[in-house]
Amino acid sequence: MVDIAIGVIIGTAFNKVINAIVKEAFMPPLSMLTDGLNWSSKKWVLREAVVSDGSGQVEEVAIGYGKLIEASVDFLIIALAVFLVVKLMNAIKHKSHDPNDTTVTTPKDIELLSNMNELMEKQVELLEKLNPGK
């Protein structure tokens, strides 16, 4: 349970960092390439806001696609970062679980399982020699 809590806390902090990177590093050059276009304020207006006499104000109805673009860029950066971290962890894990690789010390549990497997294979060979008909 503590691992999950730590993961949520780190994920939240990581999300804040990614949001800052997207808003401060990626969007300004993208805005510069599009002649100063502010992506976060882009929207597709379905109905304009109307002020009528006595009956109140009718609010604007719009689809904010600019924020969707920013959220998509956020997602792509987070997905890329998570992919790279998982790929690196799997490479390190695979390398450490190879009992024949002498450059990395094999974890004790993997080493013990490997030894047990070898002993069981020898035991099967001995049993087959003792009982050749079975």
N, C-alpha and C. Protein backbone atom coordinates (compact mmCIF):
# COMPACT_ATOMS: atom_id res chain seq x y z
N MET A 1 0.82 -1.18 0.00
CA MET A 1 0.00 0.00 0.00
C MET A 1 0.88 1.26 0.00
N VAL A 2 1.98 1.18 0.70
CA VAL A 2 2.90 2.32 0.75
C VAL A 2 3.50 2.55 -0.64
N ASP A 3 3.79 1.45 -1.36
CA ASP A 3 4.34 1.59 -2.71
C ASP A 3 3.38 2.33 -3.63
N ILE A 4 2.09 2.03 -3.51
CA ILE A 4 1.09 2.71 -4.33
C ILE A 4 1.03 4.19 -3.98
N ALA A 5 1.07 4.50 -2.69
CA ALA A 5 1.04 5.91 -2.26
C ALA A 5 2.25 6.66 -2.79
N ILE A 6 3.41 6.04 -2.71
CA ILE A 6 4.63 6.68 -3.22
C ILE A 6 4.51 6.89 -4.73
N GLY A 7 3.97 5.88 -5.43
CA GLY A 7 3.79 6.01 -6.88
C GLY A 7 2.85 7.15 -7.24
N VAL A 8 1.76 7.31 -6.48
CA VAL A 8 0.82 8.40 -6.75
C VAL A 8 1.48 9.75 -6.49
N ILE A 9 2.23 9.85 -5.41
CA ILE A 9 2.89 11.13 -5.08
C ILE A 9 3.92 11.48 -6.15
N ILE A 10 4.73 10.52 -6.55
CA ILE A 10 5.74 10.78 -7.57
C ILE A 10 5.06 11.08 -8.91
N GLY A 11 3.98 10.36 -9.21
CA GLY A 11 3.25 10.61 -10.45
C GLY A 11 2.67 12.01 -10.50
N THR A 12 2.15 12.48 -9.38
CA THR A 12 1.60 13.84 -9.33
C THR A 12 2.70 14.88 -9.53
N ALA A 13 3.83 14.67 -8.87
CA ALA A 13 4.94 15.61 -9.04
C ALA A 13 5.47 15.55 -10.47
N PHE A 14 5.53 14.36 -11.05
CA PHE A 14 6.00 14.19 -12.43
C PHE A 14 5.05 14.90 -13.38
N ASN A 15 3.75 14.83 -13.11
CA ASN A 15 2.76 15.51 -13.95
C ASN A 15 2.96 17.02 -13.92
N LYS A 16 3.26 17.57 -12.74
CA LYS A 16 3.51 19.01 -12.65
C LYS A 16 4.74 19.41 -13.45
N VAL A 17 5.77 18.59 -13.39
CA VAL A 17 6.99 18.88 -14.15
C VAL A 17 6.69 18.84 -15.64
N ILE A 18 5.96 17.83 -16.09
CA ILE A 18 5.62 17.72 -17.51
C ILE A 18 4.76 18.89 -17.96
N ASN A 19 3.79 19.29 -17.13
CA ASN A 19 2.97 20.45 -17.48
C ASN A 19 3.83 21.69 -17.65
N ALA A 20 4.78 21.89 -16.76
CA ALA A 20 5.66 23.05 -16.87
C ALA A 20 6.51 22.96 -18.13
N ILE A 21 7.02 21.77 -18.43
CA ILE A 21 7.85 21.61 -19.64
C ILE A 21 7.02 21.91 -20.89
N VAL A 22 5.80 21.40 -20.93
CA VAL A 22 4.95 21.62 -22.12
C VAL A 22 4.61 23.10 -22.26
N LYS A 23 4.18 23.73 -21.15
CA LYS A 23 3.74 25.12 -21.24
C LYS A 23 4.90 26.10 -21.42
N GLU A 24 6.06 25.77 -20.85
CA GLU A 24 7.18 26.72 -20.90
C GLU A 24 8.24 26.39 -21.95
N ALA A 25 8.29 25.13 -22.41
CA ALA A 25 9.35 24.76 -23.36
C ALA A 25 8.81 24.38 -24.74
N PHE A 26 7.70 23.66 -24.80
CA PHE A 26 7.21 23.19 -26.10
C PHE A 26 6.23 24.14 -26.75
N MET A 27 5.30 24.70 -25.98
CA MET A 27 4.27 25.54 -26.57
C MET A 27 4.79 26.90 -27.08
N PRO A 28 5.74 27.56 -26.40
CA PRO A 28 6.23 28.83 -26.96
C PRO A 28 6.86 28.69 -28.36
N PRO A 29 7.74 27.70 -28.61
CA PRO A 29 8.24 27.56 -29.98
C PRO A 29 7.13 27.20 -30.98
N LEU A 30 6.17 26.37 -30.54
CA LEU A 30 5.05 26.03 -31.42
C LEU A 30 4.22 27.28 -31.72
N SER A 31 4.05 28.12 -30.72
CA SER A 31 3.34 29.38 -30.91
C SER A 31 4.11 30.31 -31.83
N MET A 32 5.44 30.32 -31.70
CA MET A 32 6.28 31.15 -32.56
C MET A 32 6.19 30.68 -34.02
N LEU A 33 6.14 29.37 -34.23
CA LEU A 33 6.04 28.83 -35.58
C LEU A 33 4.69 29.16 -36.22
N THR A 34 3.69 29.41 -35.39
CA THR A 34 2.35 29.71 -35.91
C THR A 34 2.02 31.20 -35.72
N ASP A 35 3.01 32.06 -35.78
CA ASP A 35 2.84 33.52 -35.68
C ASP A 35 2.17 33.98 -34.40
N GLY A 36 2.63 33.47 -33.26
CA GLY A 36 2.16 33.94 -31.96
C GLY A 36 0.81 33.40 -31.55
N LEU A 37 0.38 32.33 -32.13
CA LEU A 37 -0.90 31.74 -31.79
C LEU A 37 -0.86 31.15 -30.39
N ASN A 38 -1.80 31.55 -29.54
CA ASN A 38 -1.90 31.03 -28.18
C ASN A 38 -2.82 29.81 -28.21
N TRP A 39 -2.23 28.63 -28.09
CA TRP A 39 -2.97 27.39 -28.26
C TRP A 39 -4.00 27.17 -27.16
N SER A 40 -3.70 27.58 -25.94
CA SER A 40 -4.62 27.29 -24.84
C SER A 40 -5.94 28.04 -24.96
N SER A 41 -5.95 29.15 -25.68
CA SER A 41 -7.19 29.92 -25.81
C SER A 41 -7.96 29.60 -27.09
N LYS A 42 -7.48 28.67 -27.89
CA LYS A 42 -8.18 28.33 -29.14
C LYS A 42 -9.43 27.53 -28.82
N LYS A 43 -10.51 27.90 -29.47
CA LYS A 43 -11.77 27.19 -29.26
C LYS A 43 -12.64 27.32 -30.49
N TRP A 44 -13.57 26.39 -30.61
CA TRP A 44 -14.53 26.38 -31.70
C TRP A 44 -15.87 26.79 -31.08
N VAL A 45 -16.33 27.98 -31.42
CA VAL A 45 -17.53 28.54 -30.81
C VAL A 45 -18.76 27.98 -31.51
N LEU A 46 -19.61 27.32 -30.73
CA LEU A 46 -20.85 26.78 -31.27
C LEU A 46 -22.01 27.79 -31.16
N ARG A 47 -22.00 28.55 -30.05
CA ARG A 47 -23.00 29.59 -29.86
C ARG A 47 -22.36 30.75 -29.12
N GLU A 48 -22.48 31.94 -29.67
CA GLU A 48 -21.93 33.15 -29.06
C GLU A 48 -22.71 33.51 -27.80
N ALA A 49 -22.03 34.20 -26.89
CA ALA A 49 -22.69 34.71 -25.68
C ALA A 49 -23.61 35.86 -26.08
N VAL A 50 -24.80 35.87 -25.52
CA VAL A 50 -25.78 36.89 -25.87
C VAL A 50 -26.29 37.54 -24.58
N VAL A 51 -26.33 38.87 -24.58
CA VAL A 51 -26.89 39.60 -23.45
C VAL A 51 -28.24 40.13 -23.89
N SER A 52 -29.28 39.68 -23.20
CA SER A 52 -30.62 40.14 -23.57
C SER A 52 -31.18 41.02 -22.46
N ASP A 53 -32.13 41.86 -22.79
CA ASP A 53 -32.71 42.79 -21.82
C ASP A 53 -33.63 42.05 -20.85
N GLY A 54 -33.30 42.09 -19.57
CA GLY A 54 -34.15 41.55 -18.54
C GLY A 54 -34.09 40.04 -18.35
N SER A 55 -33.81 39.29 -19.36
CA SER A 55 -33.85 37.83 -19.22
C SER A 55 -32.50 37.26 -18.81
N GLY A 56 -31.48 38.04 -18.74
CA GLY A 56 -30.17 37.56 -18.33
C GLY A 56 -29.24 37.32 -19.52
N GLN A 57 -28.16 36.69 -19.21
CA GLN A 57 -27.14 36.47 -20.23
C GLN A 57 -27.11 34.98 -20.62
N VAL A 58 -27.05 34.73 -21.91
CA VAL A 58 -26.88 33.37 -22.41
C VAL A 58 -25.39 33.15 -22.58
N GLU A 59 -24.87 32.11 -21.93
CA GLU A 59 -23.43 31.87 -21.96
C GLU A 59 -22.98 31.28 -23.29
N GLU A 60 -21.73 31.51 -23.58
CA GLU A 60 -21.13 31.00 -24.80
C GLU A 60 -20.96 29.48 -24.69
N VAL A 61 -21.20 28.80 -25.79
CA VAL A 61 -20.97 27.36 -25.87
C VAL A 61 -19.84 27.16 -26.87
N ALA A 62 -18.74 26.56 -26.38
CA ALA A 62 -17.57 26.40 -27.24
C ALA A 62 -16.82 25.13 -26.89
N ILE A 63 -16.12 24.60 -27.87
CA ILE A 63 -15.26 23.44 -27.67
C ILE A 63 -13.82 23.96 -27.65
N GLY A 64 -13.15 23.77 -26.52
CA GLY A 64 -11.77 24.28 -26.36
C GLY A 64 -10.75 23.28 -26.89
N TYR A 65 -10.50 23.29 -28.19
CA TYR A 65 -9.56 22.33 -28.77
C TYR A 65 -8.11 22.68 -28.48
N GLY A 66 -7.82 23.90 -28.12
CA GLY A 66 -6.45 24.29 -27.79
C GLY A 66 -5.95 23.59 -26.53
N LYS A 67 -6.81 23.51 -25.53
CA LYS A 67 -6.43 22.80 -24.30
C LYS A 67 -6.29 21.31 -24.57
N LEU A 68 -7.10 20.79 -25.50
CA LEU A 68 -6.97 19.39 -25.90
C LEU A 68 -5.60 19.14 -26.55
N ILE A 69 -5.15 20.07 -27.35
CA ILE A 69 -3.82 19.94 -27.98
C ILE A 69 -2.74 19.95 -26.92
N GLU A 70 -2.84 20.86 -25.94
CA GLU A 70 -1.85 20.90 -24.86
C GLU A 70 -1.87 19.61 -24.04
N ALA A 71 -3.07 19.11 -23.73
CA ALA A 71 -3.17 17.87 -22.97
C ALA A 71 -2.61 16.69 -23.77
N SER A 72 -2.79 16.71 -25.08
CA SER A 72 -2.23 15.65 -25.93
C SER A 72 -0.71 15.68 -25.93
N VAL A 73 -0.14 16.87 -25.98
CA VAL A 73 1.31 17.00 -25.92
C VAL A 73 1.81 16.52 -24.56
N ASP A 74 1.10 16.89 -23.48
CA ASP A 74 1.44 16.40 -22.14
C ASP A 74 1.45 14.88 -22.12
N PHE A 75 0.38 14.28 -22.65
CA PHE A 75 0.26 12.83 -22.64
C PHE A 75 1.39 12.18 -23.43
N LEU A 76 1.71 12.72 -24.60
CA LEU A 76 2.77 12.12 -25.41
C LEU A 76 4.12 12.17 -24.71
N ILE A 77 4.41 13.27 -24.04
CA ILE A 77 5.69 13.39 -23.32
C ILE A 77 5.72 12.41 -22.15
N ILE A 78 4.63 12.33 -21.39
CA ILE A 78 4.58 11.40 -20.26
C ILE A 78 4.69 9.96 -20.76
N ALA A 79 3.98 9.63 -21.83
CA ALA A 79 4.03 8.27 -22.37
C ALA A 79 5.44 7.93 -22.84
N LEU A 80 6.11 8.86 -23.50
CA LEU A 80 7.47 8.63 -23.95
C LEU A 80 8.42 8.43 -22.77
N ALA A 81 8.28 9.26 -21.74
CA ALA A 81 9.14 9.14 -20.56
C ALA A 81 8.91 7.81 -19.85
N VAL A 82 7.66 7.42 -19.67
CA VAL A 82 7.36 6.14 -19.01
C VAL A 82 7.87 4.98 -19.85
N PHE A 83 7.69 5.05 -21.16
CA PHE A 83 8.18 4.00 -22.06
C PHE A 83 9.69 3.83 -21.92
N LEU A 84 10.42 4.95 -21.91
CA LEU A 84 11.88 4.87 -21.80
C LEU A 84 12.32 4.32 -20.44
N VAL A 85 11.65 4.72 -19.38
CA VAL A 85 11.99 4.23 -18.04
C VAL A 85 11.73 2.73 -17.94
N VAL A 86 10.57 2.27 -18.43
CA VAL A 86 10.24 0.85 -18.38
C VAL A 86 11.20 0.05 -19.25
N LYS A 87 11.53 0.58 -20.42
CA LYS A 87 12.48 -0.11 -21.32
C LYS A 87 13.84 -0.25 -20.63
N LEU A 88 14.31 0.79 -19.98
CA LEU A 88 15.60 0.75 -19.27
C LEU A 88 15.54 -0.24 -18.11
N MET A 89 14.45 -0.21 -17.34
CA MET A 89 14.32 -1.13 -16.21
C MET A 89 14.28 -2.58 -16.68
N ASN A 90 13.58 -2.85 -17.78
CA ASN A 90 13.52 -4.22 -18.30
C ASN A 90 14.88 -4.68 -18.80
N ALA A 91 15.64 -3.78 -19.41
CA ALA A 91 16.97 -4.15 -19.89
C ALA A 91 17.89 -4.49 -18.71
N ILE A 92 17.82 -3.68 -17.67
CA ILE A 92 18.64 -3.94 -16.48
C ILE A 92 18.18 -5.24 -15.80
N LYS A 93 16.87 -5.44 -15.71
CA LYS A 93 16.33 -6.65 -15.08
C LYS A 93 16.73 -7.89 -15.88
N HIS A 94 16.62 -7.81 -17.19
CA HIS A 94 16.98 -8.95 -18.03
C HIS A 94 18.47 -9.28 -17.89
N LYS A 95 19.28 -8.24 -17.85
CA LYS A 95 20.72 -8.46 -17.72
C LYS A 95 21.06 -9.06 -16.36
N SER A 96 20.39 -8.64 -15.31
CA SER A 96 20.69 -9.16 -13.97
C SER A 96 20.15 -10.57 -13.76
N HIS A 97 19.15 -10.97 -14.55
CA HIS A 97 18.57 -12.31 -14.38
C HIS A 97 19.26 -13.36 -15.24
N ASP A 98 20.25 -12.97 -16.02
CA ASP A 98 20.98 -13.93 -16.85
C ASP A 98 22.07 -14.58 -15.99
N PRO A 99 21.94 -15.87 -15.65
CA PRO A 99 22.94 -16.50 -14.77
C PRO A 99 24.30 -16.68 -15.43
N ASN A 100 24.37 -16.62 -16.74
CA ASN A 100 25.65 -16.79 -17.45
C ASN A 100 26.42 -15.49 -17.62
N ASP A 101 25.78 -14.37 -17.35
CA ASP A 101 26.44 -13.06 -17.48
C ASP A 101 27.25 -12.78 -16.22
N THR A 102 28.55 -12.67 -16.38
CA THR A 102 29.43 -12.46 -15.22
C THR A 102 29.68 -10.99 -14.92
N THR A 103 29.25 -10.09 -15.79
CA THR A 103 29.49 -8.66 -15.55
C THR A 103 28.56 -8.10 -14.49
N VAL A 104 27.39 -8.71 -14.32
CA VAL A 104 26.42 -8.25 -13.34
C VAL A 104 26.19 -9.36 -12.34
N THR A 105 26.19 -9.01 -11.06
CA THR A 105 25.95 -10.04 -10.05
C THR A 105 24.50 -10.48 -10.12
N THR A 106 24.31 -11.78 -10.21
CA THR A 106 22.97 -12.35 -10.29
C THR A 106 22.34 -12.32 -8.89
N PRO A 107 21.07 -11.91 -8.80
CA PRO A 107 20.40 -11.94 -7.49
C PRO A 107 20.39 -13.36 -6.92
N LYS A 108 20.44 -13.44 -5.61
CA LYS A 108 20.53 -14.73 -4.93
C LYS A 108 19.35 -15.64 -5.27
N ASP A 109 18.14 -15.09 -5.36
CA ASP A 109 16.99 -15.95 -5.64
C ASP A 109 17.09 -16.59 -7.02
N ILE A 110 17.58 -15.84 -7.99
CA ILE A 110 17.74 -16.38 -9.35
C ILE A 110 18.84 -17.43 -9.35
N GLU A 111 19.92 -17.15 -8.64
CA GLU A 111 21.04 -18.09 -8.56
C GLU A 111 20.60 -19.40 -7.90
N LEU A 112 19.84 -19.30 -6.81
CA LEU A 112 19.35 -20.49 -6.13
C LEU A 112 18.39 -21.29 -7.00
N LEU A 113 17.50 -20.60 -7.71
CA LEU A 113 16.58 -21.30 -8.60
C LEU A 113 17.32 -22.00 -9.72
N SER A 114 18.36 -21.37 -10.24
CA SER A 114 19.17 -21.98 -11.29
C SER A 114 19.86 -23.24 -10.76
N ASN A 115 20.40 -23.17 -9.55
CA ASN A 115 21.06 -24.34 -8.95
C ASN A 115 20.05 -25.46 -8.70
N MET A 116 18.86 -25.10 -8.22
CA MET A 116 17.83 -26.10 -7.98
C MET A 116 17.43 -26.79 -9.29
N ASN A 117 17.32 -26.03 -10.34
CA ASN A 117 16.96 -26.59 -11.64
C ASN A 117 18.03 -27.59 -12.10
N GLU A 118 19.30 -27.24 -11.95
CA GLU A 118 20.38 -28.15 -12.33
C GLU A 118 20.35 -29.43 -11.49
N LEU A 119 20.12 -29.30 -10.19
CA LEU A 119 20.04 -30.47 -9.32
C LEU A 119 18.87 -31.37 -9.68
N MET A 120 17.75 -30.79 -10.00
CA MET A 120 16.59 -31.59 -10.39
C MET A 120 16.84 -32.33 -11.70
N GLU A 121 17.52 -31.68 -12.64
CA GLU A 121 17.85 -32.35 -13.90
C GLU A 121 18.79 -33.53 -13.65
N LYS A 122 19.76 -33.36 -12.77
CA LYS A 122 20.67 -34.47 -12.43
C LYS A 122 19.91 -35.60 -11.75
N GLN A 123 18.98 -35.26 -10.89
CA GLN A 123 18.19 -36.27 -10.19
C GLN A 123 17.35 -37.08 -11.18
N VAL A 124 16.75 -36.41 -12.17
CA VAL A 124 15.96 -37.10 -13.19
C VAL A 124 16.86 -38.04 -13.99
N GLU A 125 18.06 -37.60 -14.34
CA GLU A 125 19.00 -38.46 -15.07
C GLU A 125 19.37 -39.69 -14.25
N LEU A 126 19.63 -39.53 -12.97
CA LEU A 126 19.96 -40.67 -12.10
C LEU A 126 18.79 -41.65 -11.99
N LEU A 127 17.60 -41.14 -11.84
CA LEU A 127 16.41 -42.00 -11.76
C LEU A 127 16.19 -42.76 -13.06
N GLU A 128 16.47 -42.12 -14.17
CA GLU A 128 16.30 -42.80 -15.46
C GLU A 128 17.34 -43.91 -15.62
N LYS A 129 18.53 -43.71 -15.09
CA LYS A 129 19.58 -44.76 -15.15
C LYS A 129 19.23 -45.94 -14.25
N LEU A 130 18.63 -45.67 -13.09
CA LEU A 130 18.26 -46.74 -12.17
C LEU A 130 17.05 -47.53 -12.67
N ASN A 131 16.13 -46.86 -13.28
CA ASN A 131 14.90 -47.50 -13.78
C ASN A 131 14.79 -47.27 -15.29
N PRO A 132 15.57 -47.97 -16.10
CA PRO A 132 15.54 -47.70 -17.54
C PRO A 132 14.24 -48.09 -18.22
N GLY A 133 13.47 -48.99 -17.68
CA GLY A 133 12.24 -49.44 -18.32
C GLY A 133 11.06 -48.51 -18.08
N LYS A 134 11.12 -47.67 -17.12
CA LYS A 134 9.97 -46.83 -16.76
C LYS A 134 10.03 -45.48 -17.38
